């Protein structure tokens, strides 16, 4: 049994009931096993580690060592098992092997799509170390085909005894070849969809809910395979409506219900493409618009994200006109953030629906009514109404102004918008305005203005990247020497900028200056960031080994003073570096004396003693 992205749980009964539909089920699962003649497929721990990441490998190794893998089975190149996890019921996990190792996997846990979870790791490690624990499993289709009708009924009863909730599956239609296809019972689908939400309050429950809903969605898929498009769409619409109506009752942080609704929307799109009856198409369009409308009203969580595209691509002019009317009714008139957000989104959809049908006046009016400023300015610029476009831009906030400024540039009106951006930058705290002006100056080749703006940006937020950019611009103007001296003078003595000053010295290989700056800072503040001392010490090892040694010792003693094994471990790292430098300088005796004194001073710190002994210090 495979677990595609839907990862249907508790589907043993479904397999039995759909005995005659295995071809369709296998196609839906996109799983076609290739057996390797019963030969042993060898794997190593390295293969398993490459299949997943380090954290999941370690967790999976813990699961393997603690015997969490239950009933491991091999069916050709398919490994199967259950794995005890954080839920009461074990997870179903599978891995498909091939000539070159691991091919694919799946697990019914919340993160098991693709089979790279800790449960899959545990299964793989069981195969690596205990292949003899795997029993040979009979291929399910073959096993079921061998059963008589009476035996299958008994098997179903056993499954119902184990999982009583599966009794609901007996109500659902089974579409088989040679039998008349019954119409969809919308009431039944709605009842089962509602039952799926019973008692669900957290994301674990939501996962199970989603699997039960996807079982219903697959019924719609089966109708679609038989080109019963109205019946298929009835399933999709009903499941989607129930899911949206119940969404606020559950926690869908992981997006399981999103996947259900998006599957329904895809199915509605396929149905709309095939249906020709005007009334049926109208019903589907209402459902597609409902999920789009729900998502906008909910705040835009990508629920049924494809509904907008489907409506735009698969509708007639008359249908688009009807949808436009629904949008107009939905547009809010308030002025709070939520109203403006929804108004802009509805406006974008309206413009897309009616593109090519609106004259310039109607288009501009709609843009203003729905606050689609980018679309408004774009049309004004294309019409040559630059002054009106500038007037709109002047009323916008900094973020929107920047987006509009790029539009002016793309329409070759950069010179018109630059003065407005410059004016705004002089009073705004948004440095992106100044950055935009700097880029424009560079594009024009105005190095003087670019340097001036870069200087402003650097002092707003001094960092090494800004310093390097200033260096590049100033050098081309032969002004770097004077500017560098001014920058270093301003940074020197500024405790908050010590890190940047040291980064500059180290980037320019001015190790002596870095040592001097660090010494001055430490003279006034013994708790100077230890990372600065380490960076300078590493840079000074070759040319100033004695100073580097002293810094490493100082950093190590600071860590010891902080107490705790993790600090002692860090101290040992720097003491080891200091020892190597001492030996290089021929000061072995002085070093041994120092270490003996350090041990004596800290003789009560047993954890430190352990770490020193382990490092051979």
Foldseek 3Di string as FASTA:
>chain_A
DAAAPLGFPLCPLVCLVQLQPVVVVCVVRVDDADFDPPDQDADDLVLLCVLAPDVQLVLLVVQLVVVQWAQWADEGQKIWTFGDDPDPGTKIKMWGADNVGTDFIAILDLPGHGNRGSVSSSSVVCCNPPVVSYHYDDDVSVVSVPDDPVRSVVVSVVSCVVPVVCVLVVPDDHDHPPDDDDADDLVSLLVQLLVLCPPAAEQVSVSSSLSSLVVLLVVLVVCVVVVVLLSSLSSLLSNLVSCLVCVVRYYNVVCSSLVSQLSSLVSLLVSLQPDDDPVSNLVSLVSLVVQVLSCLLVPHPCRNVCSLVSQLPRDDLVSLVVSLVVLVVSQDDDDDPSNLSSLLVSLVSNCSSCPPPDDPVRNLVSCVRNVVLLSNLLSCVVVVVNVVNVVSLLPDDPVVNVVNLVSCVVSVNNVVSLVSLVVCVVPDPPLVSLVVNLVVCVVVVVLVSNLVSLVVVCVSPPAPVSVVVNCVSCVVVPRNVVVVVVVLVVQQPPLVCLVRNLVVCVVVLVLVVLLVSVVVNCVVPVPRPLVSLQVSLVSCCPPPVVSSLVSLQSSLVVLVVVDDLVSLLSSLVSLVVSQVSCVVVVNNVVNVVVVVVVCVVPVVRVSSVVNCVVSVD
